[in-house]
Amino acid sequence: MNRIDKKFEELKRKKEPAFIPFITAGDPDIETTEDLILAFEKKGADIIELGVPFSDPIADGPVIQASYHRALGKGVKVAQIFDMISRLRSKTQIPVVGMISYSIVYKFGSKAFVEMALKAGFDGLTIPDLPIEENEEIFEISSKNDLKIVCFVAPTTTNQRMNLITQRTQGFLYYISVVGITGARDMLPDDIVQNINKLKQLTSIPIVVGFGVSTAKQASMVGKIAEGVIVGSAIVREIEKYEHELHEKRIENVGNFVEELVIGTKNLPKTPLVSIG
């Protein structure tokens, strides 16, 4: 069984939502990324979303874009990222989902890329610039190899496309909580509860909320209504914030920030159930 499926089955038994931190591979360097993943697991993270740097990330806001550019400036290559995941697999079995541009997949070829990702130890991929209407090929390939292709649904998604996406997504459904690009927000939209309830009528697959979640309180609110929470920009900003610290201190500080988010996500009784806004 795929590690993503195993994790959500485990969390369902425990009646806990998943906490999924996002970081960029190679920012500030590959070694730090590897150590952060291990630190995040120790702090209670359930799944890792790992951004593969690309020069023109269409779904990402300024914080993650800058992170990608820093990694690319250091010369980070896809092969290095695959090698890092391979090394990690001797130390951890935490599920890893790669966020990647289709242009990178296309360069290698869908079949070859899926095989490389699986061999390295990835469990799934999200490809934000590949429309659902055009991803049938990679879905067929991934389905045969048990690599999950995670699809996105936004507040503006039409009912027709929503039906198609909920039928096709694998592992979990990534619900974009806000209209626009990634980035931390002070408040989450009022319609998030209504929209997630609508999705739950269409699919039994876990629904994970990302884009705009940046605090422990927000993560706690989302954890009450969805099966998982993704935090990206806020964590990437913490990594940059401690760029002048010694390696061990940076890992400790960012790990402590992630621990706060994990506690917020999973220790749900601390925050009363209220509408988000």
C-alpha atoms as a PDB file:
ATOM      1  CA  MET A   1       0.000   0.000   0.000  1.00  0.00           C
ATOM      2  CA  ASN A   2       1.186   3.523  -0.799  1.00  0.00           C
ATOM      3  CA  ARG A   3       2.576   5.366   2.237  1.00  0.00           C
ATOM      4  CA  ILE A   4       0.074   8.225   1.756  1.00  0.00           C
ATOM      5  CA  ASP A   5      -2.870   5.821   2.002  1.00  0.00           C
ATOM      6  CA  LYS A   6      -1.327   4.136   5.045  1.00  0.00           C
ATOM      7  CA  LYS A   7      -0.867   7.459   6.787  1.00  0.00           C
ATOM      8  CA  PHE A   8      -4.442   8.611   6.234  1.00  0.00           C
ATOM      9  CA  GLU A   9      -5.779   5.233   7.401  1.00  0.00           C
ATOM     10  CA  GLU A  10      -3.678   5.558  10.568  1.00  0.00           C
ATOM     11  CA  LEU A  11      -4.878   9.127  11.178  1.00  0.00           C
ATOM     12  CA  LYS A  12      -8.493   8.129  10.595  1.00  0.00           C
ATOM     13  CA  ARG A  13      -8.198   5.494  13.317  1.00  0.00           C
ATOM     14  CA  LYS A  14      -6.652   8.090  15.634  1.00  0.00           C
ATOM     15  CA  LYS A  15      -9.260  10.691  14.595  1.00  0.00           C
ATOM     16  CA  GLU A  16      -6.526  13.183  13.779  1.00  0.00           C
ATOM     17  CA  PRO A  17      -6.009  15.477  10.794  1.00  0.00           C
ATOM     18  CA  ALA A  18      -2.720  15.315   8.913  1.00  0.00           C
ATOM     19  CA  PHE A  19      -0.200  18.104   9.223  1.00  0.00           C
ATOM     20  CA  ILE A  20       1.761  18.574   5.995  1.00  0.00           C
ATOM     21  CA  PRO A  21       4.631  21.077   5.888  1.00  0.00           C
ATOM     22  CA  PHE A  22       5.859  22.378   2.529  1.00  0.00           C
ATOM     23  CA  ILE A  23       9.496  23.211   1.901  1.00  0.00           C
ATOM     24  CA  THR A  24      11.571  23.878  -1.202  1.00  0.00           C
ATOM     25  CA  ALA A  25      14.184  21.279  -2.106  1.00  0.00           C
ATOM     26  CA  GLY A  26      17.603  22.912  -2.008  1.00  0.00           C
ATOM     27  CA  ASP A  27      16.745  26.079  -0.091  1.00  0.00           C
ATOM     28  CA  PRO A  28      19.186  26.890   1.382  1.00  0.00           C
ATOM     29  CA  ASP A  29      20.858  23.635   0.282  1.00  0.00           C
ATOM     30  CA  ILE A  30      20.090  19.945  -0.169  1.00  0.00           C
ATOM     31  CA  GLU A  31      21.672  18.928   3.145  1.00  0.00           C
ATOM     32  CA  THR A  32      19.506  21.377   5.102  1.00  0.00           C
ATOM     33  CA  THR A  33      16.383  20.195   3.281  1.00  0.00           C
ATOM     34  CA  GLU A  34      17.182  16.615   4.264  1.00  0.00           C
ATOM     35  CA  ASP A  35      17.728  17.556   7.903  1.00  0.00           C
ATOM     36  CA  LEU A  36      14.544  19.658   7.990  1.00  0.00           C
ATOM     37  CA  ILE A  37      12.453  16.740   6.747  1.00  0.00           C
ATOM     38  CA  LEU A  38      13.806  14.516   9.520  1.00  0.00           C
ATOM     39  CA  ALA A  39      13.280  17.269  12.092  1.00  0.00           C
ATOM     40  CA  PHE A  40       9.705  17.863  10.928  1.00  0.00           C
ATOM     41  CA  GLU A  41       8.896  14.178  11.308  1.00  0.00           C
ATOM     42  CA  LYS A  42      10.237  14.226  14.876  1.00  0.00           C
ATOM     43  CA  LYS A  43       8.025  17.249  15.590  1.00  0.00           C
ATOM     44  CA  GLY A  44       4.927  15.370  14.429  1.00  0.00           C
ATOM     45  CA  ALA A  45       4.546  16.101  10.714  1.00  0.00           C
ATOM     46  CA  ASP A  46       2.658  13.350   8.881  1.00  0.00           C
ATOM     47  CA  ILE A  47       3.495  13.938   5.212  1.00  0.00           C
ATOM     48  CA  ILE A  48       6.047  16.193   3.510  1.00  0.00           C
ATOM     49  CA  GLU A  49       5.241  18.325   0.470  1.00  0.00           C
ATOM     50  CA  LEU A  50       8.513  19.040  -1.310  1.00  0.00           C
ATOM     51  CA  GLY A  51       8.709  21.785  -3.910  1.00  0.00           C
ATOM     52  CA  VAL A  52      10.935  21.036  -6.900  1.00  0.00           C
ATOM     53  CA  PRO A  53      12.399  24.425  -7.905  1.00  0.00           C
ATOM     54  CA  PHE A  54      11.251  25.884 -11.202  1.00  0.00           C
ATOM     55  CA  SER A  55      11.964  29.280 -12.741  1.00  0.00           C
ATOM     56  CA  ASP A  56       8.319  30.252 -13.328  1.00  0.00           C
ATOM     57  CA  PRO A  57       6.041  28.706 -10.660  1.00  0.00           C
ATOM     58  CA  ILE A  58       2.529  29.817 -11.641  1.00  0.00           C
ATOM     59  CA  ALA A  59       0.744  28.888  -8.397  1.00  0.00           C
ATOM     60  CA  ASP A  60       3.226  30.284  -5.915  1.00  0.00           C
ATOM     61  CA  GLY A  61       3.429  33.647  -4.220  1.00  0.00           C
ATOM     62  CA  PRO A  62       6.535  35.778  -3.658  1.00  0.00           C
ATOM     63  CA  VAL A  63       7.858  33.845  -0.638  1.00  0.00           C
ATOM     64  CA  ILE A  64       7.981  30.464  -2.378  1.00  0.00           C
ATOM     65  CA  GLN A  65       9.036  32.006  -5.703  1.00  0.00           C
ATOM     66  CA  ALA A  66      12.019  33.586  -3.957  1.00  0.00           C
ATOM     67  CA  SER A  67      12.784  30.236  -2.335  1.00  0.00           C
ATOM     68  CA  TYR A  68      12.769  28.518  -5.736  1.00  0.00           C
ATOM     69  CA  HIS A  69      15.076  31.163  -7.172  1.00  0.00           C
ATOM     70  CA  ARG A  70      17.496  30.786  -4.257  1.00  0.00           C
ATOM     71  CA  ALA A  71      17.627  27.021  -4.800  1.00  0.00           C
ATOM     72  CA  LEU A  72      18.106  27.393  -8.551  1.00  0.00           C
ATOM     73  CA  GLY A  73      20.810  29.968  -7.895  1.00  0.00           C
ATOM     74  CA  LYS A  74      22.649  27.318  -5.888  1.00  0.00           C
ATOM     75  CA  GLY A  75      22.458  25.017  -8.907  1.00  0.00           C
ATOM     76  CA  VAL A  76      20.008  22.484  -7.482  1.00  0.00           C
ATOM     77  CA  LYS A  77      19.111  19.772 -10.011  1.00  0.00           C
ATOM     78  CA  VAL A  78      16.305  17.202 -10.143  1.00  0.00           C
ATOM     79  CA  ALA A  79      18.854  14.379  -9.896  1.00  0.00           C
ATOM     80  CA  GLN A  80      20.156  15.807  -6.599  1.00  0.00           C
ATOM     81  CA  ILE A  81      16.620  15.907  -5.212  1.00  0.00           C
ATOM     82  CA  PHE A  82      16.016  12.285  -6.199  1.00  0.00           C
ATOM     83  CA  ASP A  83      19.325  11.288  -4.586  1.00  0.00           C
ATOM     84  CA  MET A  84      18.347  13.093  -1.376  1.00  0.00           C
ATOM     85  CA  ILE A  85      15.019  11.245  -1.153  1.00  0.00           C
ATOM     86  CA  SER A  86      16.831   7.955  -1.772  1.00  0.00           C
ATOM     87  CA  ARG A  87      19.158   8.707   1.148  1.00  0.00           C
ATOM     88  CA  LEU A  88      16.225   9.660   3.353  1.00  0.00           C
ATOM     89  CA  ARG A  89      14.520   6.325   2.768  1.00  0.00           C
ATOM     90  CA  SER A  90      17.174   4.600   4.891  1.00  0.00           C
ATOM     91  CA  LYS A  91      16.200   6.916   7.778  1.00  0.00           C
ATOM     92  CA  THR A  92      12.457   7.534   7.451  1.00  0.00           C
ATOM     93  CA  GLN A  93       9.309   6.224   5.819  1.00  0.00           C
ATOM     94  CA  ILE A  94       7.403   9.523   6.038  1.00  0.00           C
ATOM     95  CA  PRO A  95       5.331  10.007   2.851  1.00  0.00           C
ATOM     96  CA  VAL A  96       6.766  12.611   0.456  1.00  0.00           C
ATOM     97  CA  VAL A  97       4.729  14.392  -2.227  1.00  0.00           C
ATOM     98  CA  GLY A  98       6.620  16.403  -4.814  1.00  0.00           C
ATOM     99  CA  MET A  99       5.160  19.640  -6.161  1.00  0.00           C
ATOM    100  CA  ILE A 100       6.557  19.988  -9.650  1.00  0.00           C
ATOM    101  CA  SER A 101       6.006  21.819 -12.916  1.00  0.00           C
ATOM    102  CA  TYR A 102       4.812  19.698 -15.820  1.00  0.00           C
ATOM    103  CA  SER A 103       7.612  21.148 -17.958  1.00  0.00           C
ATOM    104  CA  ILE A 104      10.083  19.152 -15.845  1.00  0.00           C
ATOM    105  CA  VAL A 105       8.005  15.976 -16.153  1.00  0.00           C
ATOM    106  CA  TYR A 106       7.680  16.541 -19.910  1.00  0.00           C
ATOM    107  CA  LYS A 107      11.442  16.969 -20.298  1.00  0.00           C
ATOM    108  CA  PHE A 108      12.052  13.464 -18.933  1.00  0.00           C
ATOM    109  CA  GLY A 109       8.853  11.929 -20.323  1.00  0.00           C
ATOM    110  CA  SER A 110       5.931  10.969 -18.090  1.00  0.00           C
ATOM    111  CA  LYS A 111       6.774   7.263 -17.871  1.00  0.00           C
ATOM    112  CA  ALA A 112      10.462   7.826 -17.167  1.00  0.00           C
ATOM    113  CA  PHE A 113       9.764  10.527 -14.591  1.00  0.00           C
ATOM    114  CA  VAL A 114       7.225   8.423 -12.686  1.00  0.00           C
ATOM    115  CA  GLU A 115       9.667   5.508 -12.604  1.00  0.00           C
ATOM    116  CA  MET A 116      12.487   7.776 -11.385  1.00  0.00           C
ATOM    117  CA  ALA A 117      10.284   9.329  -8.703  1.00  0.00           C
ATOM    118  CA  LEU A 118       9.181   5.928  -7.429  1.00  0.00           C
ATOM    119  CA  LYS A 119      12.710   4.542  -7.428  1.00  0.00           C
ATOM    120  CA  ALA A 120      13.877   7.555  -5.426  1.00  0.00           C
ATOM    121  CA  GLY A 121      11.130   7.074  -2.850  1.00  0.00           C
ATOM    122  CA  PHE A 122       8.467   9.659  -3.679  1.00  0.00           C
ATOM    123  CA  ASP A 123       4.887   8.663  -2.866  1.00  0.00           C
ATOM    124  CA  GLY A 124       2.989  11.243  -4.896  1.00  0.00           C
ATOM    125  CA  LEU A 125       3.158  14.306  -7.108  1.00  0.00           C
ATOM    126  CA  THR A 126       1.181  17.510  -7.469  1.00  0.00           C
ATOM    127  CA  ILE A 127       1.468  19.202 -10.863  1.00  0.00           C
ATOM    128  CA  PRO A 128      -0.277  22.592 -10.604  1.00  0.00           C
ATOM    129  CA  ASP A 129       0.278  23.614 -14.234  1.00  0.00           C
ATOM    130  CA  LEU A 130      -1.204  20.434 -15.746  1.00  0.00           C
ATOM    131  CA  PRO A 131      -4.979  20.827 -16.267  1.00  0.00           C
ATOM    132  CA  ILE A 132      -7.191  17.893 -15.335  1.00  0.00           C
ATOM    133  CA  GLU A 133      -8.332  17.659 -18.961  1.00  0.00           C
ATOM    134  CA  GLU A 134      -4.750  17.016 -20.082  1.00  0.00           C
ATOM    135  CA  ASN A 135      -3.378  14.705 -17.393  1.00  0.00           C
ATOM    136  CA  GLU A 136      -4.891  11.377 -18.413  1.00  0.00           C
ATOM    137  CA  GLU A 137      -1.552   9.994 -19.634  1.00  0.00           C
ATOM    138  CA  ILE A 138       0.336  10.544 -16.404  1.00  0.00           C
ATOM    139  CA  PHE A 139      -2.653   9.284 -14.394  1.00  0.00           C
ATOM    140  CA  GLU A 140      -2.655   6.008 -16.282  1.00  0.00           C
ATOM    141  CA  ILE A 141       1.093   5.605 -15.783  1.00  0.00           C
ATOM    142  CA  SER A 142       1.010   6.540 -12.103  1.00  0.00           C
ATOM    143  CA  SER A 143      -1.977   4.290 -11.375  1.00  0.00           C
ATOM    144  CA  LYS A 144      -0.066   1.273 -12.675  1.00  0.00           C
ATOM    145  CA  ASN A 145       2.905   2.161 -10.478  1.00  0.00           C
ATOM    146  CA  ASP A 146       1.090   3.319  -7.293  1.00  0.00           C
ATOM    147  CA  LEU A 147       2.474   6.849  -7.412  1.00  0.00           C
ATOM    148  CA  LYS A 148      -0.338   9.191  -6.373  1.00  0.00           C
ATOM    149  CA  ILE A 149      -1.210  12.216  -8.524  1.00  0.00           C
ATOM    150  CA  VAL A 150      -2.849  14.774  -6.241  1.00  0.00           C
ATOM    151  CA  CYS A 151      -5.264  17.227  -7.878  1.00  0.00           C
ATOM    152  CA  PHE A 152      -6.334  20.720  -6.879  1.00  0.00           C
ATOM    153  CA  VAL A 153      -9.809  22.179  -6.368  1.00  0.00           C
ATOM    154  CA  ALA A 154     -10.339  25.916  -5.883  1.00  0.00           C
ATOM    155  CA  PRO A 155     -13.324  27.956  -4.655  1.00  0.00           C
ATOM    156  CA  THR A 156     -13.879  28.982  -8.286  1.00  0.00           C
ATOM    157  CA  THR A 157     -13.857  25.439  -9.731  1.00  0.00           C
ATOM    158  CA  THR A 158     -17.024  24.705 -11.711  1.00  0.00           C
ATOM    159  CA  ASN A 159     -19.258  21.814 -10.675  1.00  0.00           C
ATOM    160  CA  GLN A 160     -18.436  19.910 -13.860  1.00  0.00           C
ATOM    161  CA  ARG A 161     -14.671  20.135 -13.324  1.00  0.00           C
ATOM    162  CA  MET A 162     -15.093  19.457  -9.608  1.00  0.00           C
ATOM    163  CA  ASN A 163     -16.803  16.159 -10.380  1.00  0.00           C
ATOM    164  CA  LEU A 164     -13.979  15.147 -12.730  1.00  0.00           C
ATOM    165  CA  ILE A 165     -11.250  16.170 -10.284  1.00  0.00           C
ATOM    166  CA  THR A 166     -12.785  14.351  -7.306  1.00  0.00           C
ATOM    167  CA  GLN A 167     -13.056  11.184  -9.410  1.00  0.00           C
ATOM    168  CA  ARG A 168      -9.457  11.347 -10.620  1.00  0.00           C
ATOM    169  CA  THR A 169      -7.372  12.634  -7.704  1.00  0.00           C
ATOM    170  CA  GLN A 170      -5.268  10.077  -5.849  1.00  0.00           C
ATOM    171  CA  GLY A 171      -4.006  10.003  -2.262  1.00  0.00           C
ATOM    172  CA  PHE A 172      -5.893  13.115  -1.247  1.00  0.00           C
ATOM    173  CA  LEU A 173      -7.658  16.129  -2.707  1.00  0.00           C
ATOM    174  CA  TYR A 174      -5.830  19.444  -2.372  1.00  0.00           C
ATOM    175  CA  TYR A 175      -8.350  22.198  -1.636  1.00  0.00           C
ATOM    176  CA  ILE A 176      -7.046  25.701  -2.321  1.00  0.00           C
ATOM    177  CA  SER A 177      -8.659  27.758   0.416  1.00  0.00           C
ATOM    178  CA  VAL A 178      -8.200  31.146  -1.238  1.00  0.00           C
ATOM    179  CA  VAL A 179      -8.373  32.500  -4.768  1.00  0.00           C
ATOM    180  CA  GLY A 180      -4.927  33.293  -6.097  1.00  0.00           C
ATOM    181  CA  ILE A 181      -1.364  32.260  -5.373  1.00  0.00           C
ATOM    182  CA  THR A 182       0.207  30.721  -2.282  1.00  0.00           C
ATOM    183  CA  GLY A 183       1.042  32.924   0.674  1.00  0.00           C
ATOM    184  CA  ALA A 184       0.173  33.521   4.301  1.00  0.00           C
ATOM    185  CA  ARG A 185      -3.114  35.336   5.058  1.00  0.00           C
ATOM    186  CA  ASP A 186      -4.359  36.940   8.246  1.00  0.00           C
ATOM    187  CA  MET A 187      -7.790  35.327   7.855  1.00  0.00           C
ATOM    188  CA  LEU A 188      -9.261  32.400   5.964  1.00  0.00           C
ATOM    189  CA  PRO A 189     -12.405  32.803   3.833  1.00  0.00           C
ATOM    190  CA  ASP A 190     -15.877  32.425   5.323  1.00  0.00           C
ATOM    191  CA  ASP A 191     -17.002  29.925   2.668  1.00  0.00           C
ATOM    192  CA  ILE A 192     -14.361  27.293   3.434  1.00  0.00           C
ATOM    193  CA  VAL A 193     -16.679  25.161   5.613  1.00  0.00           C
ATOM    194  CA  GLN A 194     -19.439  25.198   3.004  1.00  0.00           C
ATOM    195  CA  ASN A 195     -17.045  24.338   0.171  1.00  0.00           C
ATOM    196  CA  ILE A 196     -15.408  21.453   2.008  1.00  0.00           C
ATOM    197  CA  ASN A 197     -18.789  20.017   2.985  1.00  0.00           C
ATOM    198  CA  LYS A 198     -19.748  20.170  -0.689  1.00  0.00           C
ATOM    199  CA  LEU A 199     -16.606  18.245  -1.655  1.00  0.00           C
ATOM    200  CA  LYS A 200     -17.277  15.615   1.010  1.00  0.00           C
ATOM    201  CA  GLN A 201     -20.593  14.886  -0.677  1.00  0.00           C
ATOM    202  CA  LEU A 202     -18.692  14.102  -3.889  1.00  0.00           C
ATOM    203  CA  THR A 203     -15.800  12.013  -2.588  1.00  0.00           C
ATOM    204  CA  SER A 204     -14.622   9.945   0.365  1.00  0.00           C
ATOM    205  CA  ILE A 205     -10.961  10.676  -0.383  1.00  0.00           C
ATOM    206  CA  PRO A 206      -9.176  12.784   2.271  1.00  0.00           C
ATOM    207  CA  ILE A 207      -9.460  16.540   1.731  1.00  0.00           C
ATOM    208  CA  VAL A 208      -6.400  18.611   2.594  1.00  0.00           C
ATOM    209  CA  VAL A 209      -6.474  22.407   2.760  1.00  0.00           C
ATOM    210  CA  GLY A 210      -3.590  24.616   1.691  1.00  0.00           C
ATOM    211  CA  PHE A 211      -2.824  28.143   0.436  1.00  0.00           C
ATOM    212  CA  GLY A 212      -3.173  30.838   3.083  1.00  0.00           C
ATOM    213  CA  VAL A 213      -2.871  28.747   6.255  1.00  0.00           C
ATOM    214  CA  SER A 214      -0.055  30.269   8.296  1.00  0.00           C
ATOM    215  CA  THR A 215      -0.775  30.079  12.045  1.00  0.00           C
ATOM    216  CA  ALA A 216      -1.489  27.385  14.619  1.00  0.00           C
ATOM    217  CA  LYS A 217      -4.960  28.851  15.192  1.00  0.00           C
ATOM    218  CA  GLN A 218      -5.821  28.697  11.491  1.00  0.00           C
ATOM    219  CA  ALA A 219      -4.443  25.154  11.269  1.00  0.00           C
ATOM    220  CA  SER A 220      -6.631  24.148  14.209  1.00  0.00           C
ATOM    221  CA  MET A 221      -9.719  25.621  12.557  1.00  0.00           C
ATOM    222  CA  VAL A 222      -9.018  23.813   9.295  1.00  0.00           C
ATOM    223  CA  GLY A 223      -8.222  20.564  11.106  1.00  0.00           C
ATOM    224  CA  LYS A 224     -11.776  20.468  12.447  1.00  0.00           C
ATOM    225  CA  ILE A 225     -13.334  20.354   8.994  1.00  0.00           C
ATOM    226  CA  ALA A 226     -10.742  18.678   6.745  1.00  0.00           C
ATOM    227  CA  GLU A 227      -8.536  15.593   6.865  1.00  0.00           C
ATOM    228  CA  GLY A 228      -5.338  17.598   6.597  1.00  0.00           C
ATOM    229  CA  VAL A 229      -3.626  20.980   6.616  1.00  0.00           C
ATOM    230  CA  ILE A 230      -0.726  22.190   4.454  1.00  0.00           C
ATOM    231  CA  VAL A 231       1.434  25.128   5.541  1.00  0.00           C
ATOM    232  CA  GLY A 232       4.045  26.387   3.095  1.00  0.00           C
ATOM    233  CA  SER A 233       4.901  30.068   2.854  1.00  0.00           C
ATOM    234  CA  ALA A 234       5.018  30.592   6.623  1.00  0.00           C
ATOM    235  CA  ILE A 235       7.540  27.754   7.007  1.00  0.00           C
ATOM    236  CA  VAL A 236       9.630  28.865   4.028  1.00  0.00           C
ATOM    237  CA  ARG A 237       9.742  32.345   5.548  1.00  0.00           C
ATOM    238  CA  GLU A 238      11.039  30.874   8.822  1.00  0.00           C
ATOM    239  CA  ILE A 239      13.804  29.061   6.940  1.00  0.00           C
ATOM    240  CA  GLU A 240      14.867  32.338   5.337  1.00  0.00           C
ATOM    241  CA  LYS A 241      14.528  34.204   8.644  1.00  0.00           C
ATOM    242  CA  TYR A 242      17.261  32.097  10.228  1.00  0.00           C
ATOM    243  CA  GLU A 243      19.635  32.141   7.249  1.00  0.00           C
ATOM    244  CA  HIS A 244      22.482  33.613   9.311  1.00  0.00           C
ATOM    245  CA  GLU A 245      22.150  31.085  12.141  1.00  0.00           C
ATOM    246  CA  LEU A 246      24.362  28.033  12.480  1.00  0.00           C
ATOM    247  CA  HIS A 247      22.949  24.952  10.757  1.00  0.00           C
ATOM    248  CA  GLU A 248      21.874  23.184  13.950  1.00  0.00           C
ATOM    249  CA  LYS A 249      20.239  26.328  15.330  1.00  0.00           C
ATOM    250  CA  ARG A 250      18.296  26.909  12.117  1.00  0.00           C
ATOM    251  CA  ILE A 251      17.005  23.334  12.134  1.00  0.00           C
ATOM    252  CA  GLU A 252      15.993  23.717  15.784  1.00  0.00           C
ATOM    253  CA  ASN A 253      14.212  27.051  15.284  1.00  0.00           C
ATOM    254  CA  VAL A 254      12.287  26.018  12.178  1.00  0.00           C
ATOM    255  CA  GLY A 255      11.469  22.670  13.788  1.00  0.00           C
ATOM    256  CA  ASN A 256      10.026  24.455  16.816  1.00  0.00           C
ATOM    257  CA  PHE A 257       7.824  26.579  14.538  1.00  0.00           C
ATOM    258  CA  VAL A 258       6.541  23.447  12.812  1.00  0.00           C
ATOM    259  CA  GLU A 259       5.870  21.867  16.211  1.00  0.00           C
ATOM    260  CA  GLU A 260       3.590  24.806  17.086  1.00  0.00           C
ATOM    261  CA  LEU A 261       1.650  24.215  13.872  1.00  0.00           C
ATOM    262  CA  VAL A 262       1.396  20.477  14.571  1.00  0.00           C
ATOM    263  CA  ILE A 263       0.034  21.167  18.061  1.00  0.00           C
ATOM    264  CA  GLY A 264      -2.461  23.630  16.622  1.00  0.00           C
ATOM    265  CA  THR A 265      -3.584  21.131  13.995  1.00  0.00           C
ATOM    266  CA  LYS A 266      -3.978  18.114  16.264  1.00  0.00           C
ATOM    267  CA  ASN A 267      -4.815  19.500  19.706  1.00  0.00           C
ATOM    268  CA  LEU A 268      -8.226  20.554  18.506  1.00  0.00           C
ATOM    269  CA  PRO A 269     -10.085  21.115  21.820  1.00  0.00           C
ATOM    270  CA  LYS A 270      -7.923  24.192  22.482  1.00  0.00           C
ATOM    271  CA  THR A 271      -9.809  26.191  19.853  1.00  0.00           C
ATOM    272  CA  PRO A 272     -13.642  26.322  19.975  1.00  0.00           C
ATOM    273  CA  LEU A 273     -15.458  25.287  16.816  1.00  0.00           C
ATOM    274  CA  VAL A 274     -16.412  28.535  15.118  1.00  0.00           C
ATOM    275  CA  SER A 275     -16.906  29.680  11.559  1.00  0.00           C
ATOM    276  CA  ILE A 276     -13.685  30.844   9.948  1.00  0.00           C
ATOM    277  CA  GLY A 277     -13.305  34.489   9.107  1.00  0.00           C
END
